[in-house]
Amino acid sequence: MKFLVLWHLDVGRPGPELIKAIAEQPNYGKKLEAEGKLECRYHVIGKHGGAWIYKVKSNEELDLLLAMAPVYNYAAYEVLPLADMSDPATLLGKR
């Protein structure tokens, strides 16, 4: 299962904890990439946050990975499930 996760930091609450979380986030992303759970990650220009594409086995696994992110308590998330467009049956369903 693939998910596009858009996250945006709430920078209205600056402090040492937020700064530490932001500094740790890139290493968390590298770890997930090495484990094959994160396909790619991008910075969204003009925003405080990012767009990451996760490849996981379940909704629960994604939820756990998001909750373990250093910025979890400082960010708002939009989670979008992705479907492979190379197979029309994926989009149309089996009929």
C-alpha atoms as a PDB file:
ATOM      1  CA  MET A   1       0.000   0.000   0.000  1.00  0.00           C
ATOM      2  CA  LYS A   2       1.263   3.445  -0.877  1.00  0.00           C
ATOM      3  CA  PHE A   3       0.315   6.703   0.752  1.00  0.00           C
ATOM      4  CA  LEU A   4       1.194  10.300   0.022  1.00  0.00           C
ATOM      5  CA  VAL A   5       1.537  12.073   3.351  1.00  0.00           C
ATOM      6  CA  LEU A   6       1.555  15.853   3.314  1.00  0.00           C
ATOM      7  CA  TRP A   7       2.640  17.324   6.612  1.00  0.00           C
ATOM      8  CA  HIS A   8       2.824  20.910   7.733  1.00  0.00           C
ATOM      9  CA  LEU A   9       4.567  22.120  10.872  1.00  0.00           C
ATOM     10  CA  ASP A  10       2.807  24.313  13.401  1.00  0.00           C
ATOM     11  CA  VAL A  11       5.585  26.878  13.834  1.00  0.00           C
ATOM     12  CA  GLY A  12       3.367  28.996  16.042  1.00  0.00           C
ATOM     13  CA  ARG A  13       4.729  26.998  18.992  1.00  0.00           C
ATOM     14  CA  PRO A  14       8.497  27.491  18.684  1.00  0.00           C
ATOM     15  CA  GLY A  15      10.751  26.133  21.368  1.00  0.00           C
ATOM     16  CA  PRO A  16      13.700  23.833  21.959  1.00  0.00           C
ATOM     17  CA  GLU A  17      11.554  20.691  21.583  1.00  0.00           C
ATOM     18  CA  LEU A  18      10.341  21.768  18.132  1.00  0.00           C
ATOM     19  CA  ILE A  19      13.849  22.682  17.005  1.00  0.00           C
ATOM     20  CA  LYS A  20      15.131  19.283  18.172  1.00  0.00           C
ATOM     21  CA  ALA A  21      12.274  17.479  16.392  1.00  0.00           C
ATOM     22  CA  ILE A  22      12.969  19.335  13.135  1.00  0.00           C
ATOM     23  CA  ALA A  23      16.671  18.469  13.364  1.00  0.00           C
ATOM     24  CA  GLU A  24      15.876  14.752  13.887  1.00  0.00           C
ATOM     25  CA  GLN A  25      13.297  14.457  11.076  1.00  0.00           C
ATOM     26  CA  PRO A  26      15.800  14.023   8.182  1.00  0.00           C
ATOM     27  CA  ASN A  27      17.515  11.109   9.949  1.00  0.00           C
ATOM     28  CA  TYR A  28      14.131   9.499  10.587  1.00  0.00           C
ATOM     29  CA  GLY A  29      13.398   9.764   6.855  1.00  0.00           C
ATOM     30  CA  LYS A  30      16.752   8.206   5.937  1.00  0.00           C
ATOM     31  CA  LYS A  31      16.072   5.298   8.321  1.00  0.00           C
ATOM     32  CA  LEU A  32      12.659   4.638   6.759  1.00  0.00           C
ATOM     33  CA  GLU A  33      14.153   4.795   3.258  1.00  0.00           C
ATOM     34  CA  ALA A  34      16.812   2.237   4.234  1.00  0.00           C
ATOM     35  CA  GLU A  35      14.061  -0.046   5.580  1.00  0.00           C
ATOM     36  CA  GLY A  36      12.074   0.273   2.330  1.00  0.00           C
ATOM     37  CA  LYS A  37       9.109   1.902   4.078  1.00  0.00           C
ATOM     38  CA  LEU A  38       9.589   5.326   2.496  1.00  0.00           C
ATOM     39  CA  GLU A  39       9.925   5.640  -1.289  1.00  0.00           C
ATOM     40  CA  CYS A  40      10.725   9.327  -1.465  1.00  0.00           C
ATOM     41  CA  ARG A  41      10.454  12.559   0.446  1.00  0.00           C
ATOM     42  CA  TYR A  42      10.177  16.131  -0.692  1.00  0.00           C
ATOM     43  CA  HIS A  43      10.127  19.591   0.803  1.00  0.00           C
ATOM     44  CA  VAL A  44       7.080  21.565  -0.281  1.00  0.00           C
ATOM     45  CA  ILE A  45       8.351  24.937  -1.478  1.00  0.00           C
ATOM     46  CA  GLY A  46       7.050  27.834   0.580  1.00  0.00           C
ATOM     47  CA  LYS A  47       5.795  25.593   3.395  1.00  0.00           C
ATOM     48  CA  HIS A  48       7.155  24.326   6.692  1.00  0.00           C
ATOM     49  CA  GLY A  49       6.779  20.607   6.083  1.00  0.00           C
ATOM     50  CA  GLY A  50       6.991  17.998   3.407  1.00  0.00           C
ATOM     51  CA  ALA A  51       5.449  15.423   1.104  1.00  0.00           C
ATOM     52  CA  TRP A  52       6.533  11.838   1.735  1.00  0.00           C
ATOM     53  CA  ILE A  53       5.457   8.685  -0.090  1.00  0.00           C
ATOM     54  CA  TYR A  54       5.249   5.688   2.225  1.00  0.00           C
ATOM     55  CA  LYS A  55       5.126   2.041   1.111  1.00  0.00           C
ATOM     56  CA  VAL A  56       3.660  -0.010   3.953  1.00  0.00           C
ATOM     57  CA  LYS A  57       1.742  -3.234   4.539  1.00  0.00           C
ATOM     58  CA  SER A  58      -1.241  -1.717   6.359  1.00  0.00           C
ATOM     59  CA  ASN A  59      -2.979   1.401   7.602  1.00  0.00           C
ATOM     60  CA  GLU A  60      -1.829   0.474  11.084  1.00  0.00           C
ATOM     61  CA  GLU A  61       1.820   0.371  10.026  1.00  0.00           C
ATOM     62  CA  LEU A  62       1.514   3.820   8.485  1.00  0.00           C
ATOM     63  CA  ASP A  63      -0.158   5.137  11.627  1.00  0.00           C
ATOM     64  CA  LEU A  64       2.687   3.765  13.746  1.00  0.00           C
ATOM     65  CA  LEU A  65       5.383   5.257  11.487  1.00  0.00           C
ATOM     66  CA  LEU A  66       3.715   8.662  11.564  1.00  0.00           C
ATOM     67  CA  ALA A  67       3.351   8.525  15.348  1.00  0.00           C
ATOM     68  CA  MET A  68       7.068   7.708  15.675  1.00  0.00           C
ATOM     69  CA  ALA A  69       8.119  10.728  13.582  1.00  0.00           C
ATOM     70  CA  PRO A  70      10.008  13.330  15.622  1.00  0.00           C
ATOM     71  CA  VAL A  71       7.695  16.106  14.379  1.00  0.00           C
ATOM     72  CA  TYR A  72       4.465  14.164  14.994  1.00  0.00           C
ATOM     73  CA  ASN A  73       3.271  16.352  17.876  1.00  0.00           C
ATOM     74  CA  TYR A  74       4.085  19.554  15.981  1.00  0.00           C
ATOM     75  CA  ALA A  75       2.588  18.785  12.576  1.00  0.00           C
ATOM     76  CA  ALA A  76      -0.760  18.470  10.855  1.00  0.00           C
ATOM     77  CA  TYR A  77      -1.072  15.563   8.431  1.00  0.00           C
ATOM     78  CA  GLU A  78      -3.059  14.884   5.275  1.00  0.00           C
ATOM     79  CA  VAL A  79      -2.900  11.203   4.288  1.00  0.00           C
ATOM     80  CA  LEU A  80      -3.834  10.271   0.714  1.00  0.00           C
ATOM     81  CA  PRO A  81      -3.952   6.609  -0.376  1.00  0.00           C
ATOM     82  CA  LEU A  82      -2.401   6.028  -3.800  1.00  0.00           C
ATOM     83  CA  ALA A  83      -3.523   3.587  -6.518  1.00  0.00           C
ATOM     84  CA  ASP A  84      -1.309   2.309  -9.334  1.00  0.00           C
ATOM     85  CA  MET A  85      -2.617   3.712 -12.613  1.00  0.00           C
ATOM     86  CA  SER A  86      -0.726   1.211 -14.790  1.00  0.00           C
ATOM     87  CA  ASP A  87      -3.491  -1.331 -14.185  1.00  0.00           C
ATOM     88  CA  PRO A  88      -6.977  -0.017 -15.143  1.00  0.00           C
ATOM     89  CA  ALA A  89      -8.600  -2.647 -12.908  1.00  0.00           C
ATOM     90  CA  THR A  90      -7.062  -0.923  -9.921  1.00  0.00           C
ATOM     91  CA  LEU A  91      -8.992   2.230 -10.707  1.00  0.00           C
ATOM     92  CA  LEU A  92     -12.200   0.723 -12.089  1.00  0.00           C
ATOM     93  CA  GLY A  93     -12.526  -2.231  -9.773  1.00  0.00           C
ATOM     94  CA  LYS A  94     -13.250  -5.739 -10.959  1.00  0.00           C
ATOM     95  CA  ARG A  95     -16.557  -5.965 -12.787  1.00  0.00           C
END
